[in-house]
């Protein structure tokens, strides 16, 4: 499933960041707003974010 704004994700190596919501996608650069880490730029060429099921 491709990443798109609004999806809920987790960073597999940083569970302490909590759930994040995808804000924008520009190629491999994805901006995610995490519960406990704030807004971060993730390079999906090196990290595969875990997509969470919708509630």
Protein backbone atom coordinates (compact mmCIF):
# COMPACT_ATOMS: atom_id res chain seq x y z
CA UNK A 1 0.00 0.00 0.00
CA UNK A 2 1.51 3.36 -0.97
CA UNK A 3 1.82 6.04 1.68
CA UNK A 4 -0.53 8.99 1.39
CA UNK A 5 -1.53 11.92 3.61
CA UNK A 6 -3.84 10.92 6.46
CA UNK A 7 -2.55 7.36 6.91
CA UNK A 8 -1.60 6.28 10.42
CA UNK A 9 1.84 4.70 10.74
CA UNK A 10 4.49 3.59 13.22
CA UNK A 11 8.26 3.71 12.86
CA UNK A 12 9.47 0.10 13.31
CA UNK A 13 12.69 1.13 15.10
CA UNK A 14 11.18 3.91 17.25
CA UNK A 15 8.04 2.59 19.01
CA UNK A 16 8.48 5.30 21.66
CA UNK A 17 7.46 7.88 19.02
CA UNK A 18 3.92 6.46 19.09
CA UNK A 19 1.43 6.61 16.25
CA UNK A 20 2.14 9.04 13.45
CA UNK A 21 -0.05 10.57 10.78
CA UNK A 22 1.40 11.07 7.31
CA UNK A 23 1.32 14.78 6.45
CA UNK A 24 2.92 14.79 2.99
CA UNK A 25 4.72 12.53 0.54
CA UNK A 26 7.38 13.70 -1.94
CA UNK A 27 9.01 10.65 -3.49
CA UNK A 28 10.88 8.79 -0.75
CA UNK A 29 10.55 11.75 1.66
CA UNK A 30 7.54 11.43 3.94
CA UNK A 31 6.62 13.97 6.61
CA UNK A 32 4.97 12.30 9.60
CA UNK A 33 3.54 13.92 12.73
CA UNK A 34 4.21 11.49 15.60
CA UNK A 35 2.40 11.58 18.96
CA UNK A 36 5.55 11.79 21.08
CA UNK A 37 8.20 13.02 18.64
CA UNK A 38 6.42 15.71 16.64
CA UNK A 39 6.79 16.30 12.92
CA UNK A 40 9.67 14.37 11.33
CA UNK A 41 10.93 13.80 7.81
CA UNK A 42 11.36 10.08 7.11
CA UNK A 43 13.34 8.68 4.17
CA UNK A 44 11.35 5.65 3.06
CA UNK A 45 14.27 4.50 0.91
CA UNK A 46 15.92 3.42 4.18
CA UNK A 47 12.93 2.92 6.55
CA UNK A 48 9.71 1.02 5.88
CA UNK A 49 6.97 2.52 8.01
CA UNK A 50 4.35 0.16 9.43
CA UNK A 51 0.89 1.16 8.19
CA UNK A 52 -1.80 0.78 10.87
CA UNK A 53 -5.31 -0.48 10.18
CA UNK A 54 -8.02 2.13 10.32
CA UNK A 55 -10.07 1.97 13.55
